[in-house]
Amino acid sequence: MKNFKVGDRVRIISNESESDNPLGSVGIISYIAYNDCRVVVKRYTDNNTCNWSHFDELELVEEE
């Protein structure tokens, strides 16, 4: 498991969990559970239950 934390900027690189967040979108981790986390992506997070991603579906986005 990758070491993500709340507040990290991440990119959705896979969507096996069928999240509403589109592939390639960048968002902020707002909550971490055992094997997945909630990723808030503007315009795609109206439904709190549909924006969860597994850790292996994410990559950390470095600050520019």
PDB file of N, CA and C in Angstrom:
ATOM      1  N   MET A   1       0.846  -1.180   0.000  1.00  0.00           N
ATOM      2  CA  MET A   1       0.000   0.000   0.000  1.00  0.00           C
ATOM      3  C   MET A   1       0.884   1.233   0.000  1.00  0.00           C
ATOM      4  N   LYS A   2       0.512   2.213  -0.811  1.00  0.00           N
ATOM      5  CA  LYS A   2       1.245   3.466  -0.861  1.00  0.00           C
ATOM      6  C   LYS A   2       0.929   4.290   0.375  1.00  0.00           C
ATOM      7  N   ASN A   3       1.818   5.180   0.716  1.00  0.00           N
ATOM      8  CA  ASN A   3       1.644   6.000   1.921  1.00  0.00           C
ATOM      9  C   ASN A   3       1.032   7.347   1.588  1.00  0.00           C
ATOM     10  N   PHE A   4      -0.253   7.353   1.272  1.00  0.00           N
ATOM     11  CA  PHE A   4      -0.969   8.590   1.030  1.00  0.00           C
ATOM     12  C   PHE A   4      -1.464   9.152   2.349  1.00  0.00           C
ATOM     13  N   LYS A   5      -1.721  10.461   2.366  1.00  0.00           N
ATOM     14  CA  LYS A   5      -2.290  11.089   3.560  1.00  0.00           C
ATOM     15  C   LYS A   5      -3.357  12.094   3.141  1.00  0.00           C
ATOM     16  N   VAL A   6      -4.209  12.445   4.062  1.00  0.00           N
ATOM     17  CA  VAL A   6      -5.242  13.435   3.801  1.00  0.00           C
ATOM     18  C   VAL A   6      -4.563  14.732   3.368  1.00  0.00           C
ATOM     19  N   GLY A   7      -5.084  15.325   2.305  1.00  0.00           N
ATOM     20  CA  GLY A   7      -4.539  16.565   1.771  1.00  0.00           C
ATOM     21  C   GLY A   7      -3.626  16.369   0.574  1.00  0.00           C
ATOM     22  N   ASP A   8      -3.207  15.134   0.301  1.00  0.00           N
ATOM     23  CA  ASP A   8      -2.357  14.868  -0.862  1.00  0.00           C
ATOM     24  C   ASP A   8      -3.123  15.127  -2.152  1.00  0.00           C
ATOM     25  N   ARG A   9      -2.421  15.707  -3.143  1.00  0.00           N
ATOM     26  CA  ARG A   9      -2.965  15.852  -4.497  1.00  0.00           C
ATOM     27  C   ARG A   9      -2.617  14.585  -5.253  1.00  0.00           C
ATOM     28  N   VAL A  10      -3.637  13.970  -5.849  1.00  0.00           N
ATOM     29  CA  VAL A  10      -3.441  12.712  -6.564  1.00  0.00           C
ATOM     30  C   VAL A  10      -4.131  12.751  -7.925  1.00  0.00           C
ATOM     31  N   ARG A  11      -3.634  11.907  -8.830  1.00  0.00           N
ATOM     32  CA  ARG A  11      -4.243  11.746 -10.150  1.00  0.00           C
ATOM     33  C   ARG A  11      -4.857  10.351 -10.215  1.00  0.00           C
ATOM     34  N   ILE A  12      -6.043  10.271 -10.805  1.00  0.00           N
ATOM     35  CA  ILE A  12      -6.709   8.996 -11.004  1.00  0.00           C
ATOM     36  C   ILE A  12      -6.062   8.336 -12.233  1.00  0.00           C
ATOM     37  N   ILE A  13      -5.355   7.216 -12.032  1.00  0.00           N
ATOM     38  CA  ILE A  13      -4.660   6.555 -13.136  1.00  0.00           C
ATOM     39  C   ILE A  13      -5.343   5.253 -13.545  1.00  0.00           C
ATOM     40  N   SER A  14      -6.315   4.816 -12.774  1.00  0.00           N
ATOM     41  CA  SER A  14      -7.101   3.629 -13.077  1.00  0.00           C
ATOM     42  C   SER A  14      -8.440   3.811 -12.389  1.00  0.00           C
ATOM     43  N   ASN A  15      -9.463   3.121 -12.856  1.00  0.00           N
ATOM     44  CA  ASN A  15     -10.777   3.295 -12.252  1.00  0.00           C
ATOM     45  C   ASN A  15     -11.502   1.975 -12.116  1.00  0.00           C
ATOM     46  N   GLU A  16     -10.822   0.973 -11.575  1.00  0.00           N
ATOM     47  CA  GLU A  16     -11.435  -0.334 -11.349  1.00  0.00           C
ATOM     48  C   GLU A  16     -12.545  -0.278 -10.300  1.00  0.00           C
ATOM     49  N   SER A  17     -12.498   0.712  -9.418  1.00  0.00           N
ATOM     50  CA  SER A  17     -13.515   0.840  -8.372  1.00  0.00           C
ATOM     51  C   SER A  17     -14.760   1.562  -8.865  1.00  0.00           C
ATOM     52  N   GLU A  18     -14.765   1.966 -10.145  1.00  0.00           N
ATOM     53  CA  GLU A  18     -15.901   2.631 -10.782  1.00  0.00           C
ATOM     54  C   GLU A  18     -16.292   3.929 -10.080  1.00  0.00           C
ATOM     55  N   SER A  19     -15.294   4.685  -9.677  1.00  0.00           N
ATOM     56  CA  SER A  19     -15.507   5.997  -9.091  1.00  0.00           C
ATOM     57  C   SER A  19     -16.119   6.927 -10.124  1.00  0.00           C
ATOM     58  N   ASP A  20     -16.873   7.921  -9.672  1.00  0.00           N
ATOM     59  CA  ASP A  20     -17.398   8.938 -10.587  1.00  0.00           C
ATOM     60  C   ASP A  20     -16.293   9.884 -11.056  1.00  0.00           C
ATOM     61  N   ASN A  21     -15.164   9.902 -10.360  1.00  0.00           N
ATOM     62  CA  ASN A  21     -14.057  10.753 -10.785  1.00  0.00           C
ATOM     63  C   ASN A  21     -13.479  10.194 -12.080  1.00  0.00           C
ATOM     64  N   PRO A  22     -13.356  11.030 -13.117  1.00  0.00           N
ATOM     65  CA  PRO A  22     -12.873  10.537 -14.402  1.00  0.00           C
ATOM     66  C   PRO A  22     -11.385  10.195 -14.401  1.00  0.00           C
ATOM     67  N   LEU A  23     -11.033   9.259 -15.226  1.00  0.00           N
ATOM     68  CA  LEU A  23      -9.648   8.861 -15.408  1.00  0.00           C
ATOM     69  C   LEU A  23      -8.820  10.085 -15.809  1.00  0.00           C
ATOM     70  N   GLY A  24      -7.679  10.266 -15.159  1.00  0.00           N
ATOM     71  CA  GLY A  24      -6.795  11.392 -15.450  1.00  0.00           C
ATOM     72  C   GLY A  24      -7.072  12.634 -14.641  1.00  0.00           C
ATOM     73  N   SER A  25      -8.182  12.670 -13.908  1.00  0.00           N
ATOM     74  CA  SER A  25      -8.490  13.865 -13.124  1.00  0.00           C
ATOM     75  C   SER A  25      -7.594  13.950 -11.896  1.00  0.00           C
ATOM     76  N   VAL A  26      -7.412  15.168 -11.408  1.00  0.00           N
ATOM     77  CA  VAL A  26      -6.583  15.431 -10.229  1.00  0.00           C
ATOM     78  C   VAL A  26      -7.492  15.922  -9.114  1.00  0.00           C
ATOM     79  N   GLY A  27      -7.300  15.369  -7.931  1.00  0.00           N
ATOM     80  CA  GLY A  27      -8.107  15.767  -6.787  1.00  0.00           C
ATOM     81  C   GLY A  27      -7.305  15.709  -5.505  1.00  0.00           C
ATOM     82  N   ILE A  28      -7.986  15.954  -4.413  1.00  0.00           N
ATOM     83  CA  ILE A  28      -7.384  15.984  -3.077  1.00  0.00           C
ATOM     84  C   ILE A  28      -7.983  14.866  -2.244  1.00  0.00           C
ATOM     85  N   ILE A  29      -7.130  14.120  -1.552  1.00  0.00           N
ATOM     86  CA  ILE A  29      -7.622  13.080  -0.643  1.00  0.00           C
ATOM     87  C   ILE A  29      -8.234  13.762   0.576  1.00  0.00           C
ATOM     88  N   SER A  30      -9.496  13.442   0.860  1.00  0.00           N
ATOM     89  CA  SER A  30     -10.177  14.058   1.995  1.00  0.00           C
ATOM     90  C   SER A  30     -10.427  13.085   3.147  1.00  0.00           C
ATOM     91  N   TYR A  31     -10.328  11.782   2.878  1.00  0.00           N
ATOM     92  CA  TYR A  31     -10.577  10.783   3.921  1.00  0.00           C
ATOM     93  C   TYR A  31      -9.876   9.498   3.510  1.00  0.00           C
ATOM     94  N   ILE A  32      -9.287   8.826   4.479  1.00  0.00           N
ATOM     95  CA  ILE A  32      -8.601   7.565   4.210  1.00  0.00           C
ATOM     96  C   ILE A  32      -9.249   6.454   5.033  1.00  0.00           C
ATOM     97  N   ALA A  33      -9.583   5.366   4.349  1.00  0.00           N
ATOM     98  CA  ALA A  33     -10.107   4.172   4.997  1.00  0.00           C
ATOM     99  C   ALA A  33      -9.039   3.089   4.921  1.00  0.00           C
ATOM    100  N   TYR A  34      -9.401   1.861   5.177  1.00  0.00           N
ATOM    101  CA  TYR A  34      -8.424   0.774   5.240  1.00  0.00           C
ATOM    102  C   TYR A  34      -7.676   0.558   3.933  1.00  0.00           C
ATOM    103  N   ASN A  35      -8.397   0.374   2.826  1.00  0.00           N
ATOM    104  CA  ASN A  35      -7.721   0.085   1.558  1.00  0.00           C
ATOM    105  C   ASN A  35      -8.125   1.015   0.432  1.00  0.00           C
ATOM    106  N   ASP A  36      -8.808   2.114   0.771  1.00  0.00           N
ATOM    107  CA  ASP A  36      -9.169   3.101  -0.228  1.00  0.00           C
ATOM    108  C   ASP A  36      -9.314   4.471   0.414  1.00  0.00           C
ATOM    109  N   CYS A  37      -9.602   5.466  -0.418  1.00  0.00           N
ATOM    110  CA  CYS A  37      -9.729   6.816   0.110  1.00  0.00           C
ATOM    111  C   CYS A  37     -10.725   7.607  -0.734  1.00  0.00           C
ATOM    112  N   ARG A  38     -11.229   8.659  -0.139  1.00  0.00           N
ATOM    113  CA  ARG A  38     -12.149   9.555  -0.841  1.00  0.00           C
ATOM    114  C   ARG A  38     -11.309  10.627  -1.522  1.00  0.00           C
ATOM    115  N   VAL A  39     -11.507  10.800  -2.828  1.00  0.00           N
ATOM    116  CA  VAL A  39     -10.781  11.797  -3.596  1.00  0.00           C
ATOM    117  C   VAL A  39     -11.786  12.838  -4.092  1.00  0.00           C
ATOM    118  N   VAL A  40     -11.585  14.072  -3.669  1.00  0.00           N
ATOM    119  CA  VAL A  40     -12.472  15.155  -4.072  1.00  0.00           C
ATOM    120  C   VAL A  40     -11.906  15.811  -5.316  1.00  0.00           C
ATOM    121  N   VAL A  41     -12.649  15.709  -6.406  1.00  0.00           N
ATOM    122  CA  VAL A  41     -12.304  16.343  -7.671  1.00  0.00           C
ATOM    123  C   VAL A  41     -13.414  17.344  -7.971  1.00  0.00           C
ATOM    124  N   LYS A  42     -13.059  18.599  -8.153  1.00  0.00           N
ATOM    125  CA  LYS A  42     -14.074  19.615  -8.427  1.00  0.00           C
ATOM    126  C   LYS A  42     -14.910  19.206  -9.622  1.00  0.00           C
ATOM    127  N   ARG A  43     -16.200  19.451  -9.542  1.00  0.00           N
ATOM    128  CA  ARG A  43     -17.201  19.157 -10.566  1.00  0.00           C
ATOM    129  C   ARG A  43     -17.636  17.708 -10.588  1.00  0.00           C
ATOM    130  N   TYR A  44     -16.971  16.802  -9.880  1.00  0.00           N
ATOM    131  CA  TYR A  44     -17.326  15.383  -9.958  1.00  0.00           C
ATOM    132  C   TYR A  44     -17.615  14.768  -8.598  1.00  0.00           C
ATOM    133  N   THR A  45     -17.813  15.570  -7.580  1.00  0.00           N
ATOM    134  CA  THR A  45     -17.932  14.995  -6.242  1.00  0.00           C
ATOM    135  C   THR A  45     -19.237  15.380  -5.552  1.00  0.00           C
ATOM    136  N   ASP A  46     -20.310  15.496  -6.292  1.00  0.00           N
ATOM    137  CA  ASP A  46     -21.586  15.827  -5.688  1.00  0.00           C
ATOM    138  C   ASP A  46     -22.113  14.699  -4.814  1.00  0.00           C
ATOM    139  N   ASN A  47     -21.789  13.477  -5.140  1.00  0.00           N
ATOM    140  CA  ASN A  47     -22.277  12.320  -4.397  1.00  0.00           C
ATOM    141  C   ASN A  47     -21.125  11.735  -3.584  1.00  0.00           C
ATOM    142  N   ASN A  48     -21.205  11.846  -2.271  1.00  0.00           N
ATOM    143  CA  ASN A  48     -20.121  11.409  -1.396  1.00  0.00           C
ATOM    144  C   ASN A  48     -19.809   9.925  -1.488  1.00  0.00           C
ATOM    145  N   THR A  49     -20.719   9.135  -1.990  1.00  0.00           N
ATOM    146  CA  THR A  49     -20.487   7.691  -2.030  1.00  0.00           C
ATOM    147  C   THR A  49     -19.848   7.233  -3.341  1.00  0.00           C
ATOM    148  N   CYS A  50     -19.662   8.120  -4.286  1.00  0.00           N
ATOM    149  CA  CYS A  50     -19.216   7.699  -5.623  1.00  0.00           C
ATOM    150  C   CYS A  50     -17.849   8.243  -6.013  1.00  0.00           C
ATOM    151  N   ASN A  51     -17.052   8.662  -5.065  1.00  0.00           N
ATOM    152  CA  ASN A  51     -15.751   9.201  -5.434  1.00  0.00           C
ATOM    153  C   ASN A  51     -14.627   8.578  -4.614  1.00  0.00           C
ATOM    154  N   TRP A  52     -14.761   7.295  -4.349  1.00  0.00           N
ATOM    155  CA  TRP A  52     -13.741   6.548  -3.627  1.00  0.00           C
ATOM    156  C   TRP A  52     -12.842   5.827  -4.615  1.00  0.00           C
ATOM    157  N   SER A  53     -11.548   5.785  -4.321  1.00  0.00           N
ATOM    158  CA  SER A  53     -10.582   5.091  -5.174  1.00  0.00           C
ATOM    159  C   SER A  53      -9.687   4.227  -4.310  1.00  0.00           C
ATOM    160  N   HIS A  54      -9.280   3.092  -4.863  1.00  0.00           N
ATOM    161  CA  HIS A  54      -8.282   2.258  -4.204  1.00  0.00           C
ATOM    162  C   HIS A  54      -6.918   2.927  -4.361  1.00  0.00           C
ATOM    163  N   PHE A  55      -6.026   2.700  -3.429  1.00  0.00           N
ATOM    164  CA  PHE A  55      -4.708   3.339  -3.460  1.00  0.00           C
ATOM    165  C   PHE A  55      -3.933   3.016  -4.732  1.00  0.00           C
ATOM    166  N   ASP A  56      -4.082   1.797  -5.253  1.00  0.00           N
ATOM    167  CA  ASP A  56      -3.330   1.431  -6.457  1.00  0.00           C
ATOM    168  C   ASP A  56      -3.891   2.080  -7.719  1.00  0.00           C
ATOM    169  N   GLU A  57      -4.979   2.827  -7.605  1.00  0.00           N
ATOM    170  CA  GLU A  57      -5.545   3.549  -8.722  1.00  0.00           C
ATOM    171  C   GLU A  57      -5.083   5.004  -8.776  1.00  0.00           C
ATOM    172  N   LEU A  58      -4.184   5.367  -7.862  1.00  0.00           N
ATOM    173  CA  LEU A  58      -3.773   6.762  -7.711  1.00  0.00           C
ATOM    174  C   LEU A  58      -2.275   6.930  -7.851  1.00  0.00           C
ATOM    175  N   GLU A  59      -1.882   8.130  -8.271  1.00  0.00           N
ATOM    176  CA  GLU A  59      -0.474   8.513  -8.210  1.00  0.00           C
ATOM    177  C   GLU A  59      -0.399   9.896  -7.587  1.00  0.00           C
ATOM    178  N   LEU A  60       0.638  10.118  -6.817  1.00  0.00           N
ATOM    179  CA  LEU A  60       0.842  11.402  -6.164  1.00  0.00           C
ATOM    180  C   LEU A  60       1.227  12.443  -7.210  1.00  0.00           C
ATOM    181  N   VAL A  61       0.635  13.635  -7.111  1.00  0.00           N
ATOM    182  CA  VAL A  61       0.943  14.734  -8.009  1.00  0.00           C
ATOM    183  C   VAL A  61       1.858  15.694  -7.258  1.00  0.00           C
ATOM    184  N   GLU A  62       3.040  15.902  -7.786  1.00  0.00           N
ATOM    185  CA  GLU A  62       3.994  16.814  -7.160  1.00  0.00           C
ATOM    186  C   GLU A  62       3.527  18.252  -7.347  1.00  0.00           C
ATOM    187  N   GLU A  63       3.750  19.066  -6.340  1.00  0.00           N
ATOM    188  CA  GLU A  63       3.405  20.494  -6.413  1.00  0.00           C
ATOM    189  C   GLU A  63       4.287  21.157  -7.465  1.00  0.00           C
ATOM    190  N   GLU A  64       3.708  22.072  -8.208  1.00  0.00           N
ATOM    191  CA  GLU A  64       4.470  22.783  -9.239  1.00  0.00           C
ATOM    192  C   GLU A  64       5.046  24.050  -8.689  1.00  0.00           C
TER     193      GLU A  64
END
